[in-house]
Amino acid sequence: MKTKDKITAASIELFNRYGVQNVPVNRIAAELGISPGNLNYHFKSKDMILQSIFPMIEAEMRETLTPSTTEPRPLSASYVAQFQIGIGRSLWKYRFFFCSLQNILDKNDQLDTQYFEFHDWAVGQFQQLLDDEVAANAMIPPRPPHSTAIIAANQWHLWQSWLYFETHRAKESDLVEDLAIYHGVIQNFSLLFGMCADHFNEAFVKECQAQLHIETETGTENFDRIRRNPQSIRGWGGTLSKASSI
């Protein structure tokens, strides 16, 4: 691996662990065992490191947020669970960026422009997916003043709120990635519970549990509790099965 690539990889790891604001460039150099001058040769500042990482984030998120064109419509609960888990996993991989978004963008006009272009595209992807499912009669159309555009924007913003919350909670607990993603997927999908059939919602929850190796109370009891109060997920977070903790 080239030195420049090592720097970006180490930066992502340190930013995720300690937060962007708490990692000076000298600490990145020390982590790699190189001199600050060597790092400065490749990146003149932390902003330049962030600038080089963003295309990686955008490329992965664009791939993740692009549904399969070969998947039969309407989409199965299994595929929707896989799709949502993929979103959570990609966001978790680069959680430092989304958790420090305001701080990063306020200091970098170029990144600010690039991010909001990506933001608009991402929300558009969520909306298109919702529109396709409504057209396939798999979802009830939202009632005005709600719209698929509003729900799509709420989905994206909820993903970011989840990421901020779980990242900070993980510092004080042994919360692991799969369990955090499970929380995020269920909370996000709760926005759609009223638009989907009960049997699909229940199948979706069970698929998420299976794909993430989450052990909880019985699926039906969990589903009914989430449907009545989506925030109740906070109290029944579940545990990882032995297979997933290896």
C-alpha atoms as a PDB file:
ATOM      1  CA  MET A   1       0.000   0.000   0.000  1.00  0.00           C
ATOM      2  CA  LYS A   2       1.314   3.455  -0.882  1.00  0.00           C
ATOM      3  CA  THR A   3       2.072   5.902   1.916  1.00  0.00           C
ATOM      4  CA  LYS A   4      -0.759   8.183   0.825  1.00  0.00           C
ATOM      5  CA  ASP A   5      -3.248   5.319   1.034  1.00  0.00           C
ATOM      6  CA  LYS A   6      -1.886   4.301   4.438  1.00  0.00           C
ATOM      7  CA  ILE A   7      -2.448   7.846   5.661  1.00  0.00           C
ATOM      8  CA  THR A   8      -6.077   7.914   4.562  1.00  0.00           C
ATOM      9  CA  ALA A   9      -6.738   4.445   6.029  1.00  0.00           C
ATOM     10  CA  ALA A  10      -5.160   5.378   9.370  1.00  0.00           C
ATOM     11  CA  SER A  11      -7.026   8.686   9.381  1.00  0.00           C
ATOM     12  CA  ILE A  12     -10.390   6.944   8.932  1.00  0.00           C
ATOM     13  CA  GLU A  13      -9.608   4.565  11.799  1.00  0.00           C
ATOM     14  CA  LEU A  14      -8.481   7.337  14.138  1.00  0.00           C
ATOM     15  CA  PHE A  15     -11.306   9.704  13.175  1.00  0.00           C
ATOM     16  CA  ASN A  16     -13.849   6.948  13.876  1.00  0.00           C
ATOM     17  CA  ARG A  17     -12.236   6.117  17.206  1.00  0.00           C
ATOM     18  CA  TYR A  18     -11.645   9.598  18.597  1.00  0.00           C
ATOM     19  CA  GLY A  19     -13.540  12.061  16.389  1.00  0.00           C
ATOM     20  CA  VAL A  20     -12.166  14.345  13.704  1.00  0.00           C
ATOM     21  CA  GLN A  21     -11.676  17.288  16.058  1.00  0.00           C
ATOM     22  CA  ASN A  22      -9.582  15.195  18.458  1.00  0.00           C
ATOM     23  CA  VAL A  23      -7.054  13.856  15.962  1.00  0.00           C
ATOM     24  CA  PRO A  24      -4.282  16.266  14.917  1.00  0.00           C
ATOM     25  CA  VAL A  25      -2.176  15.362  11.904  1.00  0.00           C
ATOM     26  CA  ASN A  26       0.832  14.648  14.140  1.00  0.00           C
ATOM     27  CA  ARG A  27      -1.152  11.872  15.805  1.00  0.00           C
ATOM     28  CA  ILE A  28      -1.849  10.304  12.411  1.00  0.00           C
ATOM     29  CA  ALA A  29       1.867  10.443  11.616  1.00  0.00           C
ATOM     30  CA  ALA A  30       2.712   8.836  14.958  1.00  0.00           C
ATOM     31  CA  GLU A  31       0.166   6.072  14.362  1.00  0.00           C
ATOM     32  CA  LEU A  32       1.925   5.221  11.088  1.00  0.00           C
ATOM     33  CA  GLY A  33       5.426   5.635  12.460  1.00  0.00           C
ATOM     34  CA  ILE A  34       6.321   8.363   9.960  1.00  0.00           C
ATOM     35  CA  SER A  35       7.534  11.910  10.486  1.00  0.00           C
ATOM     36  CA  PRO A  36       5.108  14.860  10.392  1.00  0.00           C
ATOM     37  CA  GLY A  37       7.128  16.143   7.449  1.00  0.00           C
ATOM     38  CA  ASN A  38       6.521  12.930   5.518  1.00  0.00           C
ATOM     39  CA  LEU A  39       2.785  13.239   6.128  1.00  0.00           C
ATOM     40  CA  ASN A  40       2.898  16.901   5.160  1.00  0.00           C
ATOM     41  CA  TYR A  41       4.487  15.924   1.846  1.00  0.00           C
ATOM     42  CA  HIS A  42       1.296  14.040   0.960  1.00  0.00           C
ATOM     43  CA  PHE A  43      -1.298  16.176   2.770  1.00  0.00           C
ATOM     44  CA  LYS A  44      -0.701  19.780   3.790  1.00  0.00           C
ATOM     45  CA  SER A  45      -3.568  19.775   6.292  1.00  0.00           C
ATOM     46  CA  LYS A  46      -6.307  17.679   7.872  1.00  0.00           C
ATOM     47  CA  ASP A  47      -8.785  19.323   5.500  1.00  0.00           C
ATOM     48  CA  MET A  48      -6.841  17.882   2.581  1.00  0.00           C
ATOM     49  CA  ILE A  49      -7.040  14.419   4.147  1.00  0.00           C
ATOM     50  CA  LEU A  50     -10.795  14.802   4.517  1.00  0.00           C
ATOM     51  CA  GLN A  51     -11.010  16.074   0.954  1.00  0.00           C
ATOM     52  CA  SER A  52      -9.311  12.891  -0.262  1.00  0.00           C
ATOM     53  CA  ILE A  53     -11.580  10.621   1.817  1.00  0.00           C
ATOM     54  CA  PHE A  54     -14.902  12.090   0.685  1.00  0.00           C
ATOM     55  CA  PRO A  55     -14.786  10.590  -2.854  1.00  0.00           C
ATOM     56  CA  MET A  56     -14.381   7.186  -1.191  1.00  0.00           C
ATOM     57  CA  ILE A  57     -17.442   7.837   0.973  1.00  0.00           C
ATOM     58  CA  GLU A  58     -19.487   9.100  -1.950  1.00  0.00           C
ATOM     59  CA  ALA A  59     -18.552   6.203  -4.242  1.00  0.00           C
ATOM     60  CA  GLU A  60     -19.473   3.576  -1.651  1.00  0.00           C
ATOM     61  CA  MET A  61     -22.706   5.316  -0.668  1.00  0.00           C
ATOM     62  CA  ARG A  62     -23.773   5.740  -4.291  1.00  0.00           C
ATOM     63  CA  GLU A  63     -23.229   2.024  -4.883  1.00  0.00           C
ATOM     64  CA  THR A  64     -25.072   1.140  -1.672  1.00  0.00           C
ATOM     65  CA  LEU A  65     -28.028   3.433  -2.409  1.00  0.00           C
ATOM     66  CA  THR A  66     -28.542   2.154  -5.943  1.00  0.00           C
ATOM     67  CA  PRO A  67     -31.075  -0.716  -5.832  1.00  0.00           C
ATOM     68  CA  SER A  68     -30.619  -3.756  -8.026  1.00  0.00           C
ATOM     69  CA  THR A  69     -32.321  -3.405 -11.406  1.00  0.00           C
ATOM     70  CA  THR A  70     -32.708  -7.170 -11.661  1.00  0.00           C
ATOM     71  CA  GLU A  71     -34.531  -7.626  -8.346  1.00  0.00           C
ATOM     72  CA  PRO A  72     -38.223  -8.442  -8.959  1.00  0.00           C
ATOM     73  CA  ARG A  73     -40.775  -5.779  -7.998  1.00  0.00           C
ATOM     74  CA  PRO A  74     -42.317  -5.384  -5.537  1.00  0.00           C
ATOM     75  CA  LEU A  75     -39.183  -5.880  -3.484  1.00  0.00           C
ATOM     76  CA  SER A  76     -39.098  -8.764  -1.014  1.00  0.00           C
ATOM     77  CA  ALA A  77     -38.690  -8.249   2.728  1.00  0.00           C
ATOM     78  CA  SER A  78     -35.375 -10.087   2.460  1.00  0.00           C
ATOM     79  CA  TYR A  79     -34.019  -7.692  -0.176  1.00  0.00           C
ATOM     80  CA  VAL A  80     -35.281  -4.562   1.617  1.00  0.00           C
ATOM     81  CA  ALA A  81     -33.605  -5.752   4.824  1.00  0.00           C
ATOM     82  CA  GLN A  82     -30.350  -6.391   2.942  1.00  0.00           C
ATOM     83  CA  PHE A  83     -30.586  -2.967   1.274  1.00  0.00           C
ATOM     84  CA  GLN A  84     -31.205  -1.120   4.556  1.00  0.00           C
ATOM     85  CA  ILE A  85     -28.467  -3.024   6.373  1.00  0.00           C
ATOM     86  CA  GLY A  86     -26.076  -2.103   3.557  1.00  0.00           C
ATOM     87  CA  ILE A  87     -26.876   1.572   4.099  1.00  0.00           C
ATOM     88  CA  GLY A  88     -26.264   1.264   7.827  1.00  0.00           C
ATOM     89  CA  ARG A  89     -22.971  -0.563   7.297  1.00  0.00           C
ATOM     90  CA  SER A  90     -21.631   2.008   4.826  1.00  0.00           C
ATOM     91  CA  LEU A  91     -22.593   4.892   7.121  1.00  0.00           C
ATOM     92  CA  TRP A  92     -21.016   3.158  10.106  1.00  0.00           C
ATOM     93  CA  LYS A  93     -17.774   2.664   8.174  1.00  0.00           C
ATOM     94  CA  TYR A  94     -17.453   6.429   7.741  1.00  0.00           C
ATOM     95  CA  ARG A  95     -19.347   7.520  10.857  1.00  0.00           C
ATOM     96  CA  PHE A  96     -16.741  10.139  11.771  1.00  0.00           C
ATOM     97  CA  PHE A  97     -17.674  12.172   8.696  1.00  0.00           C
ATOM     98  CA  PHE A  98     -21.430  12.272   9.268  1.00  0.00           C
ATOM     99  CA  CYS A  99     -21.072  12.819  13.021  1.00  0.00           C
ATOM    100  CA  SER A 100     -18.820  15.855  12.425  1.00  0.00           C
ATOM    101  CA  LEU A 101     -20.608  17.081   9.326  1.00  0.00           C
ATOM    102  CA  GLN A 102     -21.197  20.690  10.356  1.00  0.00           C
ATOM    103  CA  ASN A 103     -17.670  21.143  11.659  1.00  0.00           C
ATOM    104  CA  ILE A 104     -16.149  19.646   8.501  1.00  0.00           C
ATOM    105  CA  LEU A 105     -18.313  21.531   6.004  1.00  0.00           C
ATOM    106  CA  ASP A 106     -18.016  24.882   7.761  1.00  0.00           C
ATOM    107  CA  LYS A 107     -14.252  24.770   7.200  1.00  0.00           C
ATOM    108  CA  ASN A 108     -14.230  23.527   3.615  1.00  0.00           C
ATOM    109  CA  ASP A 109     -16.316  25.232   0.911  1.00  0.00           C
ATOM    110  CA  GLN A 110     -15.421  22.645  -1.705  1.00  0.00           C
ATOM    111  CA  LEU A 111     -16.547  19.757   0.492  1.00  0.00           C
ATOM    112  CA  ASP A 112     -19.676  21.706   1.413  1.00  0.00           C
ATOM    113  CA  THR A 113     -20.675  21.915  -2.250  1.00  0.00           C
ATOM    114  CA  GLN A 114     -19.778  18.290  -2.976  1.00  0.00           C
ATOM    115  CA  TYR A 115     -21.627  16.979   0.049  1.00  0.00           C
ATOM    116  CA  PHE A 116     -24.896  18.767  -0.650  1.00  0.00           C
ATOM    117  CA  GLU A 117     -24.851  17.612  -4.256  1.00  0.00           C
ATOM    118  CA  PHE A 118     -24.508  14.072  -2.904  1.00  0.00           C
ATOM    119  CA  HIS A 119     -27.178  14.743  -0.241  1.00  0.00           C
ATOM    120  CA  ASP A 120     -29.731  15.760  -2.868  1.00  0.00           C
ATOM    121  CA  TRP A 121     -28.917  12.674  -4.938  1.00  0.00           C
ATOM    122  CA  ALA A 122     -29.228  10.374  -1.897  1.00  0.00           C
ATOM    123  CA  VAL A 123     -32.625  11.757  -0.903  1.00  0.00           C
ATOM    124  CA  GLY A 124     -33.708  11.388  -4.527  1.00  0.00           C
ATOM    125  CA  GLN A 125     -32.713   7.715  -4.414  1.00  0.00           C
ATOM    126  CA  PHE A 126     -34.851   7.125  -1.339  1.00  0.00           C
ATOM    127  CA  GLN A 127     -37.777   8.892  -2.985  1.00  0.00           C
ATOM    128  CA  GLN A 128     -37.452   6.910  -6.221  1.00  0.00           C
ATOM    129  CA  LEU A 129     -37.454   3.655  -4.274  1.00  0.00           C
ATOM    130  CA  LEU A 130     -40.601   4.707  -2.409  1.00  0.00           C
ATOM    131  CA  ASP A 131     -42.297   5.823  -5.645  1.00  0.00           C
ATOM    132  CA  ASP A 132     -41.467   2.494  -7.293  1.00  0.00           C
ATOM    133  CA  GLU A 133     -42.942   0.517  -4.396  1.00  0.00           C
ATOM    134  CA  VAL A 134     -46.103   2.651  -4.374  1.00  0.00           C
ATOM    135  CA  ALA A 135     -46.430   2.124  -8.147  1.00  0.00           C
ATOM    136  CA  ALA A 136     -46.064  -1.638  -7.605  1.00  0.00           C
ATOM    137  CA  ASN A 137     -48.898  -1.495  -5.029  1.00  0.00           C
ATOM    138  CA  ALA A 138     -46.509  -2.702  -2.347  1.00  0.00           C
ATOM    139  CA  MET A 139     -47.011   0.454  -0.266  1.00  0.00           C
ATOM    140  CA  ILE A 140     -49.942   2.738   0.457  1.00  0.00           C
ATOM    141  CA  PRO A 141     -49.384   6.231  -1.005  1.00  0.00           C
ATOM    142  CA  PRO A 142     -48.711   8.781   1.757  1.00  0.00           C
ATOM    143  CA  ARG A 143     -51.566  11.101   2.610  1.00  0.00           C
ATOM    144  CA  PRO A 144     -51.048  14.855   2.075  1.00  0.00           C
ATOM    145  CA  PRO A 145     -49.360  16.870   3.394  1.00  0.00           C
ATOM    146  CA  HIS A 146     -46.987  13.898   3.538  1.00  0.00           C
ATOM    147  CA  SER A 147     -45.278  12.864   0.324  1.00  0.00           C
ATOM    148  CA  THR A 148     -42.605  10.410  -0.722  1.00  0.00           C
ATOM    149  CA  ALA A 149     -40.226  13.392  -1.025  1.00  0.00           C
ATOM    150  CA  ILE A 150     -40.785  14.357   2.636  1.00  0.00           C
ATOM    151  CA  ILE A 151     -40.493  10.758   3.849  1.00  0.00           C
ATOM    152  CA  ALA A 152     -37.300  10.272   1.824  1.00  0.00           C
ATOM    153  CA  ALA A 153     -35.720  13.360   3.376  1.00  0.00           C
ATOM    154  CA  ASN A 154     -36.785  12.169   6.843  1.00  0.00           C
ATOM    155  CA  GLN A 155     -35.216   8.764   6.179  1.00  0.00           C
ATOM    156  CA  TRP A 156     -31.854  10.284   5.311  1.00  0.00           C
ATOM    157  CA  HIS A 157     -31.922  12.658   8.284  1.00  0.00           C
ATOM    158  CA  LEU A 158     -32.962   9.865  10.641  1.00  0.00           C
ATOM    159  CA  TRP A 159     -30.034   7.744   9.448  1.00  0.00           C
ATOM    160  CA  GLN A 160     -27.691  10.591  10.380  1.00  0.00           C
ATOM    161  CA  SER A 161     -29.334  11.128  13.778  1.00  0.00           C
ATOM    162  CA  TRP A 162     -29.075   7.407  14.491  1.00  0.00           C
ATOM    163  CA  LEU A 163     -25.394   7.450  13.562  1.00  0.00           C
ATOM    164  CA  TYR A 164     -24.609  10.339  15.880  1.00  0.00           C
ATOM    165  CA  PHE A 165     -26.493   8.743  18.779  1.00  0.00           C
ATOM    166  CA  GLU A 166     -25.063   5.241  18.389  1.00  0.00           C
ATOM    167  CA  THR A 167     -21.509   6.502  17.883  1.00  0.00           C
ATOM    168  CA  HIS A 168     -21.624   8.402  21.169  1.00  0.00           C
ATOM    169  CA  ARG A 169     -23.395   5.572  22.993  1.00  0.00           C
ATOM    170  CA  ALA A 170     -20.756   3.111  21.754  1.00  0.00           C
ATOM    171  CA  LYS A 171     -18.086   5.071  23.637  1.00  0.00           C
ATOM    172  CA  GLU A 172     -19.753   4.199  26.937  1.00  0.00           C
ATOM    173  CA  SER A 173     -20.818   0.611  26.272  1.00  0.00           C
ATOM    174  CA  ASP A 174     -19.842  -2.574  24.519  1.00  0.00           C
ATOM    175  CA  LEU A 175     -22.308  -1.883  21.708  1.00  0.00           C
ATOM    176  CA  VAL A 176     -21.049  -3.494  18.523  1.00  0.00           C
ATOM    177  CA  GLU A 177     -21.593  -2.650  14.886  1.00  0.00           C
ATOM    178  CA  ASP A 178     -24.294  -5.190  14.011  1.00  0.00           C
ATOM    179  CA  LEU A 179     -26.448  -4.301  17.012  1.00  0.00           C
ATOM    180  CA  ALA A 180     -26.078  -0.583  16.308  1.00  0.00           C
ATOM    181  CA  ILE A 181     -27.076  -1.149  12.675  1.00  0.00           C
ATOM    182  CA  TYR A 182     -30.081  -3.199  13.779  1.00  0.00           C
ATOM    183  CA  HIS A 183     -31.264  -0.243  15.874  1.00  0.00           C
ATOM    184  CA  GLY A 184     -30.811   2.101  12.917  1.00  0.00           C
ATOM    185  CA  VAL A 185     -32.542  -0.118  10.368  1.00  0.00           C
ATOM    186  CA  ILE A 186     -35.627  -0.661  12.535  1.00  0.00           C
ATOM    187  CA  GLN A 187     -35.882   2.981  13.544  1.00  0.00           C
ATOM    188  CA  ASN A 188     -35.567   4.084   9.929  1.00  0.00           C
ATOM    189  CA  PHE A 189     -38.077   1.573   8.630  1.00  0.00           C
ATOM    190  CA  SER A 190     -40.552   2.615  11.337  1.00  0.00           C
ATOM    191  CA  LEU A 191     -41.260   5.634   9.111  1.00  0.00           C
ATOM    192  CA  LEU A 192     -42.815   3.201   6.625  1.00  0.00           C
ATOM    193  CA  PHE A 193     -44.706   0.864   8.967  1.00  0.00           C
ATOM    194  CA  GLY A 194     -48.046   2.540   8.292  1.00  0.00           C
ATOM    195  CA  MET A 195     -47.551   2.332   4.532  1.00  0.00           C
ATOM    196  CA  CYS A 196     -46.720  -1.393   4.369  1.00  0.00           C
ATOM    197  CA  ALA A 197     -48.792  -4.476   5.112  1.00  0.00           C
ATOM    198  CA  ASP A 198     -48.411  -5.996   8.560  1.00  0.00           C
ATOM    199  CA  HIS A 199     -47.117  -9.282   7.173  1.00  0.00           C
ATOM    200  CA  PHE A 200     -44.367  -7.433   5.262  1.00  0.00           C
ATOM    201  CA  ASN A 201     -43.363  -5.432   8.335  1.00  0.00           C
ATOM    202  CA  GLU A 202     -43.111  -8.552  10.465  1.00  0.00           C
ATOM    203  CA  ALA A 203     -41.143 -10.393   7.759  1.00  0.00           C
ATOM    204  CA  PHE A 204     -38.812  -7.400   7.465  1.00  0.00           C
ATOM    205  CA  VAL A 205     -38.040  -7.356  11.203  1.00  0.00           C
ATOM    206  CA  LYS A 206     -37.355 -11.101  11.191  1.00  0.00           C
ATOM    207  CA  GLU A 207     -35.093 -10.760   8.129  1.00  0.00           C
ATOM    208  CA  CYS A 208     -33.092  -8.033   9.863  1.00  0.00           C
ATOM    209  CA  GLN A 209     -32.695 -10.191  12.936  1.00  0.00           C
ATOM    210  CA  ALA A 210     -31.575 -13.155  10.827  1.00  0.00           C
ATOM    211  CA  GLN A 211     -29.161 -11.238   8.604  1.00  0.00           C
ATOM    212  CA  LEU A 212     -27.558  -9.444  11.554  1.00  0.00           C
ATOM    213  CA  HIS A 213     -27.641 -12.477  13.870  1.00  0.00           C
ATOM    214  CA  ILE A 214     -29.715 -10.658  16.474  1.00  0.00           C
ATOM    215  CA  GLU A 215     -31.452 -12.614  19.211  1.00  0.00           C
ATOM    216  CA  THR A 216     -34.522 -10.936  20.726  1.00  0.00           C
ATOM    217  CA  GLU A 217     -37.869 -11.785  22.191  1.00  0.00           C
ATOM    218  CA  THR A 218     -40.305 -13.485  19.844  1.00  0.00           C
ATOM    219  CA  GLY A 219     -40.569 -11.699  16.533  1.00  0.00           C
ATOM    220  CA  THR A 220     -44.323 -11.056  16.729  1.00  0.00           C
ATOM    221  CA  GLU A 221     -44.118  -9.506  20.197  1.00  0.00           C
ATOM    222  CA  ASN A 222     -41.277  -7.252  19.060  1.00  0.00           C
ATOM    223  CA  PHE A 223     -43.096  -6.285  15.901  1.00  0.00           C
ATOM    224  CA  ASP A 224     -46.261  -5.321  17.762  1.00  0.00           C
ATOM    225  CA  ARG A 225     -44.252  -3.280  20.255  1.00  0.00           C
ATOM    226  CA  ILE A 226     -42.388  -1.403  17.515  1.00  0.00           C
ATOM    227  CA  ARG A 227     -45.605  -0.731  15.625  1.00  0.00           C
ATOM    228  CA  ARG A 228     -47.228   0.799  18.711  1.00  0.00           C
ATOM    229  CA  ASN A 229     -44.131   2.762  19.685  1.00  0.00           C
ATOM    230  CA  PRO A 230     -41.072   2.779  17.374  1.00  0.00           C
ATOM    231  CA  GLN A 231     -38.967   4.345  20.133  1.00  0.00           C
ATOM    232  CA  SER A 232     -39.462   1.243  22.277  1.00  0.00           C
ATOM    233  CA  ILE A 233     -36.584  -0.335  20.356  1.00  0.00           C
ATOM    234  CA  ARG A 234     -34.381   1.502  22.871  1.00  0.00           C
ATOM    235  CA  GLY A 235     -35.595  -0.906  25.518  1.00  0.00           C
ATOM    236  CA  TRP A 236     -35.392  -4.214  23.675  1.00  0.00           C
ATOM    237  CA  GLY A 237     -32.199  -3.784  21.703  1.00  0.00           C
ATOM    238  CA  GLY A 238     -31.508  -7.485  21.651  1.00  0.00           C
ATOM    239  CA  THR A 239     -28.173  -9.274  21.805  1.00  0.00           C
ATOM    240  CA  LEU A 240     -25.820 -10.695  19.250  1.00  0.00           C
ATOM    241  CA  SER A 241     -25.878 -14.403  18.737  1.00  0.00           C
ATOM    242  CA  LYS A 242     -22.654 -16.317  19.420  1.00  0.00           C
ATOM    243  CA  ALA A 243     -22.060 -16.790  15.705  1.00  0.00           C
ATOM    244  CA  SER A 244     -21.907 -13.055  15.025  1.00  0.00           C
ATOM    245  CA  SER A 245     -19.594 -12.218  17.907  1.00  0.00           C
ATOM    246  CA  ILE A 246     -16.693 -14.339  16.651  1.00  0.00           C
END
